[in-house]
Amino acid sequence: MQFIEFKKEHFTHDEEKNNYFLEISKTEIDPENIKVQKKEDDQLSDDLDYEIADHPTRVRVILKEPEDIRVNF
């Protein structure tokens, strides 16, 4: 399994929906097998409430608040 890590700073605030998101190109990941984990002090946690929005060329990871995360695929 491969992964990409993102910092809180990578997220964009969506003021209309009052959440935060980041987008990943489908050329970089396997959009069928995505798992998102919270990363704190080099520890991973599955305790993260997130949504995945599938677009034709990208995947959007949506959170209520920005977090340091690892996206496994």
N, C-alpha and C. Protein backbone atom coordinates (compact mmCIF):
# COMPACT_ATOMS: atom_id res chain seq x y z
N MET A 1 0.85 -1.17 0.00
CA MET A 1 0.00 0.00 0.00
C MET A 1 0.89 1.24 0.00
N GLN A 2 0.51 2.22 -0.79
CA GLN A 2 1.25 3.47 -0.86
C GLN A 2 0.49 4.56 -0.11
N PHE A 3 1.16 5.67 0.14
CA PHE A 3 0.50 6.76 0.85
C PHE A 3 1.11 8.09 0.47
N ILE A 4 0.35 9.15 0.73
CA ILE A 4 0.81 10.54 0.61
C ILE A 4 0.39 11.23 1.91
N GLU A 5 1.30 12.02 2.47
CA GLU A 5 0.97 12.76 3.69
C GLU A 5 0.74 14.24 3.37
N PHE A 6 -0.21 14.82 4.08
CA PHE A 6 -0.55 16.22 3.90
C PHE A 6 -0.58 16.91 5.27
N LYS A 7 -0.18 18.15 5.29
CA LYS A 7 -0.23 18.98 6.51
C LYS A 7 -1.51 19.80 6.51
N LYS A 8 -1.84 20.35 7.66
CA LYS A 8 -3.02 21.22 7.80
C LYS A 8 -3.01 22.34 6.77
N GLU A 9 -1.83 22.84 6.45
CA GLU A 9 -1.68 23.97 5.53
C GLU A 9 -2.12 23.64 4.10
N HIS A 10 -2.21 22.36 3.75
CA HIS A 10 -2.61 21.97 2.40
C HIS A 10 -4.11 22.12 2.16
N PHE A 11 -4.88 22.27 3.23
CA PHE A 11 -6.33 22.34 3.09
C PHE A 11 -6.79 23.74 2.72
N THR A 12 -7.87 23.78 1.95
CA THR A 12 -8.52 25.02 1.55
C THR A 12 -9.85 25.13 2.28
N HIS A 13 -10.15 26.31 2.78
CA HIS A 13 -11.41 26.52 3.49
C HIS A 13 -12.53 26.79 2.50
N ASP A 14 -13.60 26.03 2.59
CA ASP A 14 -14.81 26.25 1.79
C ASP A 14 -15.80 26.99 2.67
N GLU A 15 -15.89 28.31 2.49
CA GLU A 15 -16.73 29.13 3.36
C GLU A 15 -18.21 28.83 3.19
N GLU A 16 -18.64 28.47 1.99
CA GLU A 16 -20.06 28.17 1.75
C GLU A 16 -20.51 26.93 2.52
N LYS A 17 -19.66 25.90 2.53
CA LYS A 17 -20.02 24.64 3.20
C LYS A 17 -19.44 24.52 4.60
N ASN A 18 -18.64 25.51 4.99
CA ASN A 18 -18.02 25.53 6.31
C ASN A 18 -17.23 24.26 6.60
N ASN A 19 -16.35 23.89 5.65
CA ASN A 19 -15.46 22.75 5.85
C ASN A 19 -14.13 23.04 5.15
N TYR A 20 -13.24 22.07 5.17
CA TYR A 20 -11.92 22.20 4.57
C TYR A 20 -11.71 21.03 3.62
N PHE A 21 -10.98 21.28 2.54
CA PHE A 21 -10.76 20.20 1.57
C PHE A 21 -9.37 20.32 0.94
N LEU A 22 -8.94 19.20 0.38
CA LEU A 22 -7.78 19.17 -0.49
C LEU A 22 -8.10 18.24 -1.64
N GLU A 23 -7.46 18.47 -2.76
CA GLU A 23 -7.73 17.67 -3.95
C GLU A 23 -6.46 16.95 -4.39
N ILE A 24 -6.66 15.70 -4.82
CA ILE A 24 -5.56 14.87 -5.28
C ILE A 24 -5.91 14.37 -6.68
N SER A 25 -4.99 14.52 -7.60
CA SER A 25 -5.21 14.06 -8.96
C SER A 25 -5.33 12.54 -8.99
N LYS A 26 -6.24 12.03 -9.80
CA LYS A 26 -6.40 10.59 -9.92
C LYS A 26 -5.20 9.93 -10.59
N THR A 27 -4.34 10.71 -11.24
CA THR A 27 -3.12 10.14 -11.81
C THR A 27 -2.09 9.82 -10.73
N GLU A 28 -2.25 10.38 -9.54
CA GLU A 28 -1.32 10.16 -8.43
C GLU A 28 -1.72 9.01 -7.51
N ILE A 29 -3.01 8.68 -7.48
CA ILE A 29 -3.50 7.68 -6.52
C ILE A 29 -4.45 6.70 -7.19
N ASP A 30 -4.78 5.64 -6.48
CA ASP A 30 -5.82 4.70 -6.89
C ASP A 30 -7.09 5.12 -6.17
N PRO A 31 -8.02 5.77 -6.88
CA PRO A 31 -9.20 6.32 -6.21
C PRO A 31 -10.17 5.27 -5.65
N GLU A 32 -9.99 4.03 -5.99
CA GLU A 32 -10.90 2.98 -5.53
C GLU A 32 -10.58 2.49 -4.13
N ASN A 33 -9.36 2.67 -3.67
CA ASN A 33 -8.93 2.10 -2.38
C ASN A 33 -8.34 3.15 -1.46
N ILE A 34 -9.09 4.19 -1.19
CA ILE A 34 -8.57 5.28 -0.36
C ILE A 34 -8.96 5.08 1.10
N LYS A 35 -7.97 5.30 1.97
CA LYS A 35 -8.21 5.32 3.41
C LYS A 35 -7.46 6.53 3.97
N VAL A 36 -8.14 7.34 4.75
CA VAL A 36 -7.54 8.55 5.32
C VAL A 36 -7.36 8.35 6.81
N GLN A 37 -6.16 8.67 7.30
CA GLN A 37 -5.86 8.56 8.73
C GLN A 37 -5.31 9.88 9.25
N LYS A 38 -5.63 10.17 10.48
CA LYS A 38 -5.11 11.35 11.17
C LYS A 38 -3.69 11.05 11.63
N LYS A 39 -2.80 12.03 11.48
CA LYS A 39 -1.41 11.85 11.87
C LYS A 39 -1.06 12.85 12.96
N GLU A 40 -0.64 12.33 14.12
CA GLU A 40 -0.23 13.16 15.26
C GLU A 40 1.06 12.62 15.83
N ASP A 41 2.09 13.45 15.84
CA ASP A 41 3.37 13.07 16.45
C ASP A 41 3.83 11.69 15.97
N ASP A 42 3.84 11.48 14.68
CA ASP A 42 4.26 10.22 14.05
C ASP A 42 3.39 9.02 14.42
N GLN A 43 2.22 9.26 14.98
CA GLN A 43 1.25 8.20 15.28
C GLN A 43 0.07 8.35 14.33
N LEU A 44 -0.49 7.25 13.89
CA LEU A 44 -1.64 7.27 13.00
C LEU A 44 -2.89 6.84 13.75
N SER A 45 -4.00 7.48 13.43
CA SER A 45 -5.27 7.18 14.08
C SER A 45 -6.37 7.09 13.03
N ASP A 46 -7.28 6.14 13.21
CA ASP A 46 -8.44 6.03 12.34
C ASP A 46 -9.60 6.88 12.83
N ASP A 47 -9.39 7.58 13.92
CA ASP A 47 -10.42 8.42 14.52
C ASP A 47 -10.49 9.76 13.79
N LEU A 48 -11.04 9.73 12.58
CA LEU A 48 -11.11 10.92 11.74
C LEU A 48 -12.39 10.86 10.92
N ASP A 49 -13.18 11.90 11.02
CA ASP A 49 -14.43 11.98 10.27
C ASP A 49 -14.15 12.73 8.97
N TYR A 50 -14.24 12.03 7.85
CA TYR A 50 -13.93 12.63 6.56
C TYR A 50 -14.90 12.15 5.50
N GLU A 51 -14.94 12.88 4.39
CA GLU A 51 -15.71 12.49 3.22
C GLU A 51 -14.79 12.47 2.02
N ILE A 52 -15.11 11.61 1.06
CA ILE A 52 -14.39 11.57 -0.21
C ILE A 52 -15.39 11.95 -1.29
N ALA A 53 -15.05 12.97 -2.08
CA ALA A 53 -15.88 13.36 -3.22
C ALA A 53 -15.11 12.99 -4.48
N ASP A 54 -15.75 12.21 -5.33
CA ASP A 54 -15.11 11.72 -6.55
C ASP A 54 -15.48 12.62 -7.72
N HIS A 55 -14.46 13.15 -8.39
CA HIS A 55 -14.63 13.98 -9.57
C HIS A 55 -13.97 13.25 -10.74
N PRO A 56 -14.26 13.63 -11.97
CA PRO A 56 -13.69 12.92 -13.12
C PRO A 56 -12.16 12.84 -13.14
N THR A 57 -11.47 13.88 -12.70
CA THR A 57 -10.01 13.87 -12.77
C THR A 57 -9.31 13.94 -11.42
N ARG A 58 -10.09 14.08 -10.34
CA ARG A 58 -9.48 14.25 -9.02
C ARG A 58 -10.39 13.68 -7.92
N VAL A 59 -9.80 13.54 -6.76
CA VAL A 59 -10.52 13.11 -5.56
C VAL A 59 -10.40 14.24 -4.56
N ARG A 60 -11.50 14.56 -3.89
CA ARG A 60 -11.49 15.62 -2.88
C ARG A 60 -11.68 14.98 -1.51
N VAL A 61 -10.75 15.27 -0.59
CA VAL A 61 -10.85 14.83 0.80
C VAL A 61 -11.41 16.01 1.59
N ILE A 62 -12.53 15.78 2.29
CA ILE A 62 -13.23 16.85 2.99
C ILE A 62 -13.25 16.57 4.49
N LEU A 63 -12.85 17.58 5.28
CA LEU A 63 -12.84 17.49 6.74
C LEU A 63 -13.56 18.70 7.33
N LYS A 64 -14.07 18.57 8.55
CA LYS A 64 -14.67 19.71 9.25
C LYS A 64 -13.60 20.72 9.66
N GLU A 65 -12.46 20.24 10.11
CA GLU A 65 -11.33 21.08 10.51
C GLU A 65 -10.07 20.51 9.88
N PRO A 66 -9.12 21.34 9.49
CA PRO A 66 -7.89 20.82 8.88
C PRO A 66 -7.07 20.00 9.88
N GLU A 67 -6.48 18.93 9.40
CA GLU A 67 -5.66 18.02 10.21
C GLU A 67 -4.45 17.60 9.39
N ASP A 68 -3.41 17.14 10.06
CA ASP A 68 -2.33 16.45 9.38
C ASP A 68 -2.84 15.04 9.09
N ILE A 69 -2.75 14.62 7.83
CA ILE A 69 -3.32 13.32 7.47
C ILE A 69 -2.36 12.51 6.60
N ARG A 70 -2.68 11.23 6.52
CA ARG A 70 -2.05 10.30 5.58
C ARG A 70 -3.16 9.70 4.74
N VAL A 71 -2.99 9.77 3.42
CA VAL A 71 -3.95 9.16 2.50
C VAL A 71 -3.32 7.89 1.96
N ASN A 72 -3.88 6.75 2.35
CA ASN A 72 -3.40 5.45 1.88
C ASN A 72 -4.20 5.05 0.65
N PHE A 73 -3.51 4.42 -0.30
CA PHE A 73 -4.19 3.96 -1.51
C PHE A 73 -3.51 2.73 -2.07
